[in-house]
PDB file of all heavy atoms in Angstrom:
ATOM      1  N   ALA A   1       0.871  -1.147  -0.035  1.00  0.00           N
ATOM      2  CA  ALA A   1      -0.004   0.015   0.101  1.00  0.00           C
ATOM      3  C   ALA A   1       0.900   1.275  -0.041  1.00  0.00           C
ATOM      4  O   ALA A   1       1.782   1.338   0.783  1.00  0.00           O
ATOM      5  CB  ALA A   1      -0.927   0.004   1.229  1.00  0.00           C
ATOM      6  N   ALA A   2       0.678   2.198  -0.877  1.00  0.00           N
ATOM      7  CA  ALA A   2       1.583   3.367  -1.052  1.00  0.00           C
ATOM      8  C   ALA A   2       0.699   4.573  -1.107  1.00  0.00           C
ATOM      9  O   ALA A   2      -0.391   4.544  -1.762  1.00  0.00           O
ATOM     10  CB  ALA A   2       2.471   3.132  -2.282  1.00  0.00           C
ATOM     11  N   VAL A   3       1.217   5.646  -0.609  1.00  0.00           N
ATOM     12  CA  VAL A   3       0.582   6.927  -0.756  1.00  0.00           C
ATOM     13  C   VAL A   3       1.585   7.988  -1.030  1.00  0.00           C
ATOM     14  O   VAL A   3       2.719   7.905  -0.731  1.00  0.00           O
ATOM     15  CB  VAL A   3      -0.070   7.291   0.648  1.00  0.00           C
ATOM     16  CG1 VAL A   3      -1.202   6.421   0.952  1.00  0.00           C
ATOM     17  CG2 VAL A   3       0.880   7.303   1.858  1.00  0.00           C
ATOM     18  N   SER A   4       1.032   9.029  -1.730  1.00  0.00           N
ATOM     19  CA  SER A   4       1.966  10.147  -2.141  1.00  0.00           C
ATOM     20  C   SER A   4       1.222  11.460  -2.090  1.00  0.00           C
ATOM     21  O   SER A   4      -0.040  11.448  -2.290  1.00  0.00           O
ATOM     22  CB  SER A   4       2.447   9.976  -3.572  1.00  0.00           C
ATOM     23  OG  SER A   4       3.026  11.041  -4.086  1.00  0.00           O
ATOM     24  N   SER A   5       1.875  12.499  -1.827  1.00  0.00           N
ATOM     25  CA  SER A   5       1.338  13.895  -1.932  1.00  0.00           C
ATOM     26  C   SER A   5       1.863  14.677  -3.118  1.00  0.00           C
ATOM     27  O   SER A   5       1.747  15.773  -3.177  1.00  0.00           O
ATOM     28  CB  SER A   5       1.558  14.667  -0.639  1.00  0.00           C
ATOM     29  OG  SER A   5       2.933  14.882  -0.461  1.00  0.00           O
ATOM     30  N   GLY A   6       2.447  13.827  -4.081  1.00  0.00           N
ATOM     31  CA  GLY A   6       3.045  14.562  -5.233  1.00  0.00           C
ATOM     32  C   GLY A   6       4.340  15.333  -4.845  1.00  0.00           C
ATOM     33  O   GLY A   6       4.650  16.319  -5.557  1.00  0.00           O
ATOM     34  N   GLY A   7       4.999  14.994  -3.698  1.00  0.00           N
ATOM     35  CA  GLY A   7       6.080  15.802  -3.337  1.00  0.00           C
ATOM     36  C   GLY A   7       5.771  16.952  -2.545  1.00  0.00           C
ATOM     37  O   GLY A   7       6.655  17.685  -2.089  1.00  0.00           O
ATOM     38  N   GLN A   8       4.565  17.263  -2.281  1.00  0.00           N
ATOM     39  CA  GLN A   8       4.139  18.473  -1.592  1.00  0.00           C
ATOM     40  C   GLN A   8       4.247  18.510  -0.127  1.00  0.00           C
ATOM     41  O   GLN A   8       4.707  19.402   0.606  1.00  0.00           O
ATOM     42  CB  GLN A   8       2.686  18.857  -1.923  1.00  0.00           C
ATOM     43  CG  GLN A   8       2.491  19.165  -3.488  1.00  0.00           C
ATOM     44  CD  GLN A   8       1.013  19.511  -3.677  1.00  0.00           C
ATOM     45  OE1 GLN A   8       0.703  20.666  -3.763  1.00  0.00           O
ATOM     46  NE2 GLN A   8       0.209  18.518  -3.846  1.00  0.00           N
ATOM     47  N   SER A   9       3.985  17.195   0.535  1.00  0.00           N
ATOM     48  CA  SER A   9       3.955  17.272   1.951  1.00  0.00           C
ATOM     49  C   SER A   9       4.399  15.871   2.451  1.00  0.00           C
ATOM     50  O   SER A   9       3.528  15.002   2.600  1.00  0.00           O
ATOM     51  CB  SER A   9       2.470  17.570   2.404  1.00  0.00           C
ATOM     52  OG  SER A   9       2.458  17.498   3.874  1.00  0.00           O
ATOM     53  N   PRO A  10       5.647  15.623   2.780  1.00  0.00           N
ATOM     54  CA  PRO A  10       6.075  14.426   3.392  1.00  0.00           C
ATOM     55  C   PRO A  10       5.308  14.132   4.727  1.00  0.00           C
ATOM     56  O   PRO A  10       5.076  12.944   5.019  1.00  0.00           O
ATOM     57  CB  PRO A  10       7.560  14.699   3.588  1.00  0.00           C
ATOM     58  CG  PRO A  10       7.918  15.584   2.585  1.00  0.00           C
ATOM     59  CD  PRO A  10       6.743  16.513   2.467  1.00  0.00           C
ATOM     60  N   VAL A  11       5.001  15.144   5.417  1.00  0.00           N
ATOM     61  CA  VAL A  11       4.243  15.053   6.750  1.00  0.00           C
ATOM     62  C   VAL A  11       2.977  14.327   6.373  1.00  0.00           C
ATOM     63  O   VAL A  11       2.438  13.453   7.224  1.00  0.00           O
ATOM     64  CB  VAL A  11       4.099  16.369   7.470  1.00  0.00           C
ATOM     65  CG1 VAL A  11       3.151  16.138   8.608  1.00  0.00           C
ATOM     66  CG2 VAL A  11       5.381  16.943   7.949  1.00  0.00           C
ATOM     67  N   MET A  12       2.157  14.779   5.348  1.00  0.00           N
ATOM     68  CA  MET A  12       0.950  14.250   5.003  1.00  0.00           C
ATOM     69  C   MET A  12       1.087  12.728   4.682  1.00  0.00           C
ATOM     70  O   MET A  12       0.337  11.859   5.108  1.00  0.00           O
ATOM     71  CB  MET A  12       0.356  15.007   3.910  1.00  0.00           C
ATOM     72  CG  MET A  12      -1.003  14.355   3.297  1.00  0.00           C
ATOM     73  SD  MET A  12      -2.329  14.400   4.574  1.00  0.00           S
ATOM     74  CE  MET A  12      -2.710  16.162   4.468  1.00  0.00           C
ATOM     75  N   THR A  13       2.134  12.409   3.798  1.00  0.00           N
ATOM     76  CA  THR A  13       2.155  10.980   3.380  1.00  0.00           C
ATOM     77  C   THR A  13       2.588  10.115   4.623  1.00  0.00           C
ATOM     78  O   THR A  13       2.051   8.991   4.644  1.00  0.00           O
ATOM     79  CB  THR A  13       3.257  10.859   2.292  1.00  0.00           C
ATOM     80  OG1 THR A  13       4.606  11.422   2.732  1.00  0.00           O
ATOM     81  CG2 THR A  13       2.826  11.590   1.026  1.00  0.00           C
ATOM     82  N   GLN A  14       3.406  10.566   5.586  1.00  0.00           N
ATOM     83  CA  GLN A  14       3.770   9.780   6.677  1.00  0.00           C
ATOM     84  C   GLN A  14       2.507   9.548   7.621  1.00  0.00           C
ATOM     85  O   GLN A  14       2.365   8.526   8.227  1.00  0.00           O
ATOM     86  CB  GLN A  14       4.882  10.429   7.552  1.00  0.00           C
ATOM     87  CG  GLN A  14       6.204  10.397   6.748  1.00  0.00           C
ATOM     88  CD  GLN A  14       6.640   8.935   6.432  1.00  0.00           C
ATOM     89  OE1 GLN A  14       6.611   8.091   7.309  1.00  0.00           O
ATOM     90  NE2 GLN A  14       7.178   8.760   5.232  1.00  0.00           N
ATOM     91  N   TYR A  15       1.628  10.588   7.648  1.00  0.00           N
ATOM     92  CA  TYR A  15       0.484  10.524   8.445  1.00  0.00           C
ATOM     93  C   TYR A  15      -0.465   9.386   7.854  1.00  0.00           C
ATOM     94  O   TYR A  15      -0.993   8.503   8.566  1.00  0.00           O
ATOM     95  CB  TYR A  15      -0.325  11.856   8.483  1.00  0.00           C
ATOM     96  CG  TYR A  15      -1.697  11.715   8.996  1.00  0.00           C
ATOM     97  CD1 TYR A  15      -2.018  11.605  10.313  1.00  0.00           C
ATOM     98  CD2 TYR A  15      -2.796  11.763   8.007  1.00  0.00           C
ATOM     99  CE1 TYR A  15      -3.294  11.544  10.686  1.00  0.00           C
ATOM    100  CE2 TYR A  15      -4.137  11.586   8.469  1.00  0.00           C
ATOM    101  CZ  TYR A  15      -4.357  11.449   9.846  1.00  0.00           C
ATOM    102  OH  TYR A  15      -5.606  11.382  10.248  1.00  0.00           O
ATOM    103  N   LEU A  16      -0.567   9.526   6.518  1.00  0.00           N
ATOM    104  CA  LEU A  16      -1.441   8.462   5.791  1.00  0.00           C
ATOM    105  C   LEU A  16      -0.865   7.015   5.987  1.00  0.00           C
ATOM    106  O   LEU A  16      -1.615   6.074   6.221  1.00  0.00           O
ATOM    107  CB  LEU A  16      -1.634   8.843   4.401  1.00  0.00           C
ATOM    108  CG  LEU A  16      -2.476  10.027   4.237  1.00  0.00           C
ATOM    109  CD1 LEU A  16      -2.401  10.498   2.694  1.00  0.00           C
ATOM    110  CD2 LEU A  16      -3.840   9.928   4.609  1.00  0.00           C
ATOM    111  N   LYS A  17       0.455   7.041   5.948  1.00  0.00           N
ATOM    112  CA  LYS A  17       1.136   5.770   6.100  1.00  0.00           C
ATOM    113  C   LYS A  17       0.832   5.069   7.454  1.00  0.00           C
ATOM    114  O   LYS A  17       0.494   3.855   7.627  1.00  0.00           O
ATOM    115  CB  LYS A  17       2.656   5.852   5.864  1.00  0.00           C
ATOM    116  CG  LYS A  17       3.400   4.514   6.128  1.00  0.00           C
ATOM    117  CD  LYS A  17       4.861   4.789   5.983  1.00  0.00           C
ATOM    118  CE  LYS A  17       5.700   3.610   6.453  1.00  0.00           C
ATOM    119  NZ  LYS A  17       7.168   3.712   6.273  1.00  0.00           N
ATOM    120  N   ALA A  18       0.911   5.981   8.539  1.00  0.00           N
ATOM    121  CA  ALA A  18       0.595   5.485   9.790  1.00  0.00           C
ATOM    122  C   ALA A  18      -0.762   5.079   9.989  1.00  0.00           C
ATOM    123  O   ALA A  18      -1.093   4.166  10.801  1.00  0.00           O
ATOM    124  CB  ALA A  18       0.805   6.616  10.831  1.00  0.00           C
ATOM    125  N   GLN A  19      -1.727   5.652   9.209  1.00  0.00           N
ATOM    126  CA  GLN A  19      -3.183   5.224   9.368  1.00  0.00           C
ATOM    127  C   GLN A  19      -3.337   3.823   8.718  1.00  0.00           C
ATOM    128  O   GLN A  19      -4.200   3.039   9.160  1.00  0.00           O
ATOM    129  CB  GLN A  19      -4.128   6.218   8.642  1.00  0.00           C
ATOM    130  CG  GLN A  19      -4.006   7.621   9.115  1.00  0.00           C
ATOM    131  CD  GLN A  19      -4.202   7.704  10.666  1.00  0.00           C
ATOM    132  OE1 GLN A  19      -5.303   7.224  11.167  1.00  0.00           O
ATOM    133  NE2 GLN A  19      -3.277   8.237  11.359  1.00  0.00           N
ATOM    134  N   ILE A  20      -2.501   3.532   7.781  1.00  0.00           N
ATOM    135  CA  ILE A  20      -2.629   2.181   6.974  1.00  0.00           C
ATOM    136  C   ILE A  20      -2.015   1.105   7.719  1.00  0.00           C
ATOM    137  O   ILE A  20      -2.415  -0.049   7.704  1.00  0.00           O
ATOM    138  CB  ILE A  20      -2.004   2.384   5.584  1.00  0.00           C
ATOM    139  CG1 ILE A  20      -2.825   3.385   4.735  1.00  0.00           C
ATOM    140  CG2 ILE A  20      -2.070   1.082   4.880  1.00  0.00           C
ATOM    141  CD1 ILE A  20      -2.182   3.704   3.432  1.00  0.00           C
ATOM    142  N   GLU A  21      -0.970   1.396   8.456  1.00  0.00           N
ATOM    143  CA  GLU A  21      -0.026   0.308   9.019  1.00  0.00           C
ATOM    144  C   GLU A  21      -0.763  -0.670   9.984  1.00  0.00           C
ATOM    145  O   GLU A  21      -0.514  -1.896   9.848  1.00  0.00           O
ATOM    146  CB  GLU A  21       1.158   1.018   9.783  1.00  0.00           C
ATOM    147  CG  GLU A  21       2.202   1.510   8.867  1.00  0.00           C
ATOM    148  CD  GLU A  21       3.321   2.135   9.615  1.00  0.00           C
ATOM    149  OE1 GLU A  21       3.118   2.860  10.612  1.00  0.00           O
ATOM    150  OE2 GLU A  21       4.538   1.913   9.196  1.00  0.00           O
ATOM    151  N   PRO A  22      -1.803  -0.200  10.829  1.00  0.00           N
ATOM    152  CA  PRO A  22      -2.441  -1.108  11.559  1.00  0.00           C
ATOM    153  C   PRO A  22      -3.220  -2.237  10.866  1.00  0.00           C
ATOM    154  O   PRO A  22      -3.430  -3.304  11.400  1.00  0.00           O
ATOM    155  CB  PRO A  22      -3.242  -0.301  12.472  1.00  0.00           C
ATOM    156  CG  PRO A  22      -2.780   1.092  12.512  1.00  0.00           C
ATOM    157  CD  PRO A  22      -2.211   1.197  11.173  1.00  0.00           C
ATOM    158  N   PHE A  23      -3.569  -1.908   9.623  1.00  0.00           N
ATOM    159  CA  PHE A  23      -4.377  -2.854   8.786  1.00  0.00           C
ATOM    160  C   PHE A  23      -3.442  -3.804   7.959  1.00  0.00           C
ATOM    161  O   PHE A  23      -3.938  -4.870   7.583  1.00  0.00           O
ATOM    162  CB  PHE A  23      -5.331  -2.176   7.858  1.00  0.00           C
ATOM    163  CG  PHE A  23      -6.334  -1.287   8.520  1.00  0.00           C
ATOM    164  CD1 PHE A  23      -6.091   0.045   8.735  1.00  0.00           C
ATOM    165  CD2 PHE A  23      -7.470  -1.736   9.080  1.00  0.00           C
ATOM    166  CE1 PHE A  23      -6.909   0.970   9.461  1.00  0.00           C
ATOM    167  CE2 PHE A  23      -8.333  -1.008   9.793  1.00  0.00           C
ATOM    168  CZ  PHE A  23      -8.159   0.314   9.958  1.00  0.00           C
ATOM    169  N   MET A  24      -2.188  -3.415   7.904  1.00  0.00           N
ATOM    170  CA  MET A  24      -1.338  -4.334   6.989  1.00  0.00           C
ATOM    171  C   MET A  24      -0.530  -5.114   7.873  1.00  0.00           C
ATOM    172  O   MET A  24       0.668  -5.051   8.174  1.00  0.00           O
ATOM    173  CB  MET A  24      -0.307  -3.296   6.298  1.00  0.00           C
ATOM    174  CG  MET A  24      -1.024  -2.589   5.099  1.00  0.00           C
ATOM    175  SD  MET A  24      -1.361  -3.669   3.669  1.00  0.00           S
ATOM    176  CE  MET A  24       0.347  -3.778   3.043  1.00  0.00           C
ATOM    177  N   THR A  25      -1.184  -6.222   8.417  1.00  0.00           N
ATOM    178  CA  THR A  25      -0.581  -7.122   9.289  1.00  0.00           C
ATOM    179  C   THR A  25       0.103  -8.217   8.501  1.00  0.00           C
ATOM    180  O   THR A  25       0.006  -8.435   7.336  1.00  0.00           O
ATOM    181  CB  THR A  25      -1.604  -7.721  10.168  1.00  0.00           C
ATOM    182  OG1 THR A  25      -2.551  -8.410   9.361  1.00  0.00           O
ATOM    183  CG2 THR A  25      -2.368  -6.699  10.966  1.00  0.00           C
ATOM    184  N   GLU A  26       0.953  -8.953   9.194  1.00  0.00           N
ATOM    185  CA  GLU A  26       1.609 -10.141   8.601  1.00  0.00           C
ATOM    186  C   GLU A  26       0.597 -11.036   7.938  1.00  0.00           C
ATOM    187  O   GLU A  26       0.875 -11.735   6.965  1.00  0.00           O
ATOM    188  CB  GLU A  26       2.535 -10.790   9.571  1.00  0.00           C
ATOM    189  CG  GLU A  26       3.355 -11.961   9.090  1.00  0.00           C
ATOM    190  CD  GLU A  26       4.318 -12.474  10.002  1.00  0.00           C
ATOM    191  OE1 GLU A  26       4.444 -11.983  11.133  1.00  0.00           O
ATOM    192  OE2 GLU A  26       4.895 -13.642   9.723  1.00  0.00           O
ATOM    193  N   GLU A  27      -0.539 -11.228   8.692  1.00  0.00           N
ATOM    194  CA  GLU A  27      -1.634 -12.041   8.226  1.00  0.00           C
ATOM    195  C   GLU A  27      -2.161 -11.703   6.865  1.00  0.00           C
ATOM    196  O   GLU A  27      -2.517 -12.579   5.956  1.00  0.00           O
ATOM    197  CB  GLU A  27      -2.725 -12.195   9.171  1.00  0.00           C
ATOM    198  CG  GLU A  27      -2.373 -12.939  10.504  1.00  0.00           C
ATOM    199  CD  GLU A  27      -1.501 -12.175  11.464  1.00  0.00           C
ATOM    200  OE1 GLU A  27      -1.460 -10.842  11.326  1.00  0.00           O
ATOM    201  OE2 GLU A  27      -0.890 -12.731  12.379  1.00  0.00           O
ATOM    202  N   ILE A  28      -2.145 -10.432   6.572  1.00  0.00           N
ATOM    203  CA  ILE A  28      -2.633  -9.841   5.228  1.00  0.00           C
ATOM    204  C   ILE A  28      -1.731 -10.444   4.223  1.00  0.00           C
ATOM    205  O   ILE A  28      -2.266 -10.902   3.183  1.00  0.00           O
ATOM    206  CB  ILE A  28      -2.705  -8.339   5.236  1.00  0.00           C
ATOM    207  CG1 ILE A  28      -3.938  -7.832   6.151  1.00  0.00           C
ATOM    208  CG2 ILE A  28      -2.779  -7.895   3.822  1.00  0.00           C
ATOM    209  CD1 ILE A  28      -5.220  -8.015   5.482  1.00  0.00           C
ATOM    210  N   GLY A  29      -0.503 -10.317   4.361  1.00  0.00           N
ATOM    211  CA  GLY A  29       0.441 -10.797   3.372  1.00  0.00           C
ATOM    212  C   GLY A  29       0.320 -12.403   3.171  1.00  0.00           C
ATOM    213  O   GLY A  29       0.348 -12.861   2.056  1.00  0.00           O
ATOM    214  N   GLU A  30       0.171 -13.102   4.250  1.00  0.00           N
ATOM    215  CA  GLU A  30      -0.090 -14.586   4.194  1.00  0.00           C
ATOM    216  C   GLU A  30      -1.292 -14.874   3.485  1.00  0.00           C
ATOM    217  O   GLU A  30      -1.389 -15.831   2.701  1.00  0.00           O
ATOM    218  CB  GLU A  30      -0.021 -15.162   5.523  1.00  0.00           C
ATOM    219  CG  GLU A  30       1.415 -15.074   6.158  1.00  0.00           C
ATOM    220  CD  GLU A  30       1.409 -15.489   7.691  1.00  0.00           C
ATOM    221  OE1 GLU A  30       0.309 -15.714   8.095  1.00  0.00           O
ATOM    222  OE2 GLU A  30       2.569 -15.527   8.222  1.00  0.00           O
TER     223      GLU A  30
END
């Protein structure tokens, strides 16, 4: 899962990444 702000706001992309991380468990990959 990847997110981008078009280079405008790294803070925004890191925030969105943090929102996604709890759902991207090892079980999802398996």
